[in-house]
Amino acid sequence: MFSFLSVTQTHQAQTYQAQIYVTLRPSVLDPAGTAVQSGLKHMGYDNVEQVRIGKYVELVLTASDEAAAREQLDRICDQLLANPVIENYRFELMAVAKK
């Protein structure tokens, strides 16, 4: 009589740290950037030609793999962190060592 063992593959979730940058699209006016540029000019920094203001977000998440983490980050950015009509986003993703 033979017995067969059921082998199940277990995937441990990996922890990732994401650095997310959200900026206005180049075609969208940036009044905050213009105000900062004006302030810099008044301070004597005449060589600053353009200033664009954006948002920086760090978050830590777990996912089965890097592709799943990237997919989830795209959804988070599209649905909450960025307004896709007027903003662009990009992110950097790093695996975090388990403690």
C-alpha atoms as a PDB file:
ATOM      1  CA  MET A   1       0.000   0.000   0.000  1.00  0.00           C
ATOM      2  CA  PHE A   2       1.303   3.443  -0.918  1.00  0.00           C
ATOM      3  CA  SER A   3       0.604   6.678   0.866  1.00  0.00           C
ATOM      4  CA  PHE A   4       0.974  10.046  -0.788  1.00  0.00           C
ATOM      5  CA  LEU A   5       1.865  13.138   1.110  1.00  0.00           C
ATOM      6  CA  SER A   6       0.187  16.314   0.080  1.00  0.00           C
ATOM      7  CA  VAL A   7       2.807  18.961  -0.439  1.00  0.00           C
ATOM      8  CA  THR A   8       1.573  22.485  -0.064  1.00  0.00           C
ATOM      9  CA  GLN A   9       3.673  25.395  -1.004  1.00  0.00           C
ATOM     10  CA  THR A  10       3.675  28.120   1.593  1.00  0.00           C
ATOM     11  CA  HIS A  11       4.469  31.652   0.614  1.00  0.00           C
ATOM     12  CA  GLN A  12       5.496  33.913   3.396  1.00  0.00           C
ATOM     13  CA  ALA A  13       4.480  37.495   2.954  1.00  0.00           C
ATOM     14  CA  GLN A  14       7.365  39.865   2.368  1.00  0.00           C
ATOM     15  CA  THR A  15       7.477  43.299   3.967  1.00  0.00           C
ATOM     16  CA  TYR A  16       8.188  46.252   1.690  1.00  0.00           C
ATOM     17  CA  GLN A  17       8.843  49.927   2.283  1.00  0.00           C
ATOM     18  CA  ALA A  18       7.540  52.301  -0.357  1.00  0.00           C
ATOM     19  CA  GLN A  19       8.608  55.871  -0.983  1.00  0.00           C
ATOM     20  CA  ILE A  20       5.897  57.599  -3.001  1.00  0.00           C
ATOM     21  CA  TYR A  21       6.269  60.915  -4.816  1.00  0.00           C
ATOM     22  CA  VAL A  22       3.148  62.747  -6.026  1.00  0.00           C
ATOM     23  CA  THR A  23       3.553  65.809  -8.246  1.00  0.00           C
ATOM     24  CA  LEU A  24       1.343  67.983 -10.364  1.00  0.00           C
ATOM     25  CA  ARG A  25       1.341  67.168 -14.060  1.00  0.00           C
ATOM     26  CA  PRO A  26       3.594  69.538 -16.031  1.00  0.00           C
ATOM     27  CA  SER A  27       0.541  71.062 -17.755  1.00  0.00           C
ATOM     28  CA  VAL A  28      -1.055  72.041 -14.401  1.00  0.00           C
ATOM     29  CA  LEU A  29      -0.197  75.410 -12.874  1.00  0.00           C
ATOM     30  CA  ASP A  30       1.510  75.183  -9.486  1.00  0.00           C
ATOM     31  CA  PRO A  31       0.636  78.274  -7.394  1.00  0.00           C
ATOM     32  CA  ALA A  32       2.554  76.965  -4.348  1.00  0.00           C
ATOM     33  CA  GLY A  33       5.639  76.430  -6.487  1.00  0.00           C
ATOM     34  CA  THR A  34       5.275  79.918  -7.945  1.00  0.00           C
ATOM     35  CA  ALA A  35       5.024  81.406  -4.443  1.00  0.00           C
ATOM     36  CA  VAL A  36       8.178  79.584  -3.314  1.00  0.00           C
ATOM     37  CA  GLN A  37      10.021  80.675  -6.442  1.00  0.00           C
ATOM     38  CA  SER A  38       8.974  84.284  -5.815  1.00  0.00           C
ATOM     39  CA  GLY A  39      10.168  84.051  -2.207  1.00  0.00           C
ATOM     40  CA  LEU A  40      13.503  82.651  -3.331  1.00  0.00           C
ATOM     41  CA  LYS A  41      13.891  85.467  -5.839  1.00  0.00           C
ATOM     42  CA  HIS A  42      13.256  88.024  -3.057  1.00  0.00           C
ATOM     43  CA  MET A  43      15.944  86.281  -0.995  1.00  0.00           C
ATOM     44  CA  GLY A  44      18.441  86.759  -3.788  1.00  0.00           C
ATOM     45  CA  TYR A  45      18.233  83.349  -5.442  1.00  0.00           C
ATOM     46  CA  ASP A  46      17.667  84.696  -8.946  1.00  0.00           C
ATOM     47  CA  ASN A  47      19.135  81.566 -10.520  1.00  0.00           C
ATOM     48  CA  VAL A  48      16.160  79.353  -9.494  1.00  0.00           C
ATOM     49  CA  GLU A  49      14.153  79.050 -12.696  1.00  0.00           C
ATOM     50  CA  GLN A  50      11.279  76.804 -11.631  1.00  0.00           C
ATOM     51  CA  VAL A  51       9.827  75.282  -8.458  1.00  0.00           C
ATOM     52  CA  ARG A  52       7.241  72.491  -8.356  1.00  0.00           C
ATOM     53  CA  ILE A  53       5.711  71.439  -5.043  1.00  0.00           C
ATOM     54  CA  GLY A  54       4.542  67.876  -4.413  1.00  0.00           C
ATOM     55  CA  LYS A  55       3.849  65.303  -1.724  1.00  0.00           C
ATOM     56  CA  TYR A  56       6.099  62.600  -0.300  1.00  0.00           C
ATOM     57  CA  VAL A  57       4.609  59.556   1.424  1.00  0.00           C
ATOM     58  CA  GLU A  58       6.321  56.567   3.058  1.00  0.00           C
ATOM     59  CA  LEU A  59       4.429  53.418   3.859  1.00  0.00           C
ATOM     60  CA  VAL A  60       5.206  49.845   4.836  1.00  0.00           C
ATOM     61  CA  LEU A  61       3.118  46.983   3.490  1.00  0.00           C
ATOM     62  CA  THR A  62       3.235  43.217   3.201  1.00  0.00           C
ATOM     63  CA  ALA A  63       2.612  41.304  -0.005  1.00  0.00           C
ATOM     64  CA  SER A  64       3.260  37.852  -1.411  1.00  0.00           C
ATOM     65  CA  ASP A  65       5.854  39.225  -3.836  1.00  0.00           C
ATOM     66  CA  GLU A  66       7.140  42.441  -5.398  1.00  0.00           C
ATOM     67  CA  ALA A  67       4.660  42.341  -8.294  1.00  0.00           C
ATOM     68  CA  ALA A  68       1.730  42.136  -5.857  1.00  0.00           C
ATOM     69  CA  ALA A  69       3.164  45.000  -3.797  1.00  0.00           C
ATOM     70  CA  ARG A  70       3.561  47.160  -6.918  1.00  0.00           C
ATOM     71  CA  GLU A  71       0.009  46.388  -8.023  1.00  0.00           C
ATOM     72  CA  GLN A  72      -1.355  47.319  -4.603  1.00  0.00           C
ATOM     73  CA  LEU A  73       0.683  50.548  -4.536  1.00  0.00           C
ATOM     74  CA  ASP A  74      -0.665  51.524  -7.957  1.00  0.00           C
ATOM     75  CA  ARG A  75      -4.220  51.094  -6.649  1.00  0.00           C
ATOM     76  CA  ILE A  76      -3.445  53.052  -3.450  1.00  0.00           C
ATOM     77  CA  CYS A  77      -1.955  55.920  -5.449  1.00  0.00           C
ATOM     78  CA  ASP A  78      -4.765  55.971  -8.031  1.00  0.00           C
ATOM     79  CA  GLN A  79      -7.559  55.746  -5.459  1.00  0.00           C
ATOM     80  CA  LEU A  80      -6.252  57.846  -2.574  1.00  0.00           C
ATOM     81  CA  LEU A  81      -2.857  59.509  -2.730  1.00  0.00           C
ATOM     82  CA  ALA A  82      -2.949  61.107  -6.179  1.00  0.00           C
ATOM     83  CA  ASN A  83      -5.612  62.771  -8.275  1.00  0.00           C
ATOM     84  CA  PRO A  84      -4.956  61.095 -11.645  1.00  0.00           C
ATOM     85  CA  VAL A  85      -6.538  64.012 -13.508  1.00  0.00           C
ATOM     86  CA  ILE A  86      -3.951  66.569 -12.358  1.00  0.00           C
ATOM     87  CA  GLU A  87      -1.186  64.596 -10.629  1.00  0.00           C
ATOM     88  CA  ASN A  88       1.471  62.040 -11.517  1.00  0.00           C
ATOM     89  CA  TYR A  89       3.040  59.640  -9.068  1.00  0.00           C
ATOM     90  CA  ARG A  90       6.024  57.358  -8.896  1.00  0.00           C
ATOM     91  CA  PHE A  91       7.307  55.125  -6.169  1.00  0.00           C
ATOM     92  CA  GLU A  92      10.394  53.263  -5.087  1.00  0.00           C
ATOM     93  CA  LEU A  93       9.926  49.903  -3.430  1.00  0.00           C
ATOM     94  CA  MET A  94      12.428  48.119  -1.192  1.00  0.00           C
ATOM     95  CA  ALA A  95      12.147  44.757   0.520  1.00  0.00           C
ATOM     96  CA  VAL A  96      12.609  45.086   4.269  1.00  0.00           C
ATOM     97  CA  ALA A  97      14.517  42.410   6.169  1.00  0.00           C
ATOM     98  CA  LYS A  98      12.502  40.508   8.735  1.00  0.00           C
ATOM     99  CA  LYS A  99      13.396  41.307  12.341  1.00  0.00           C
END
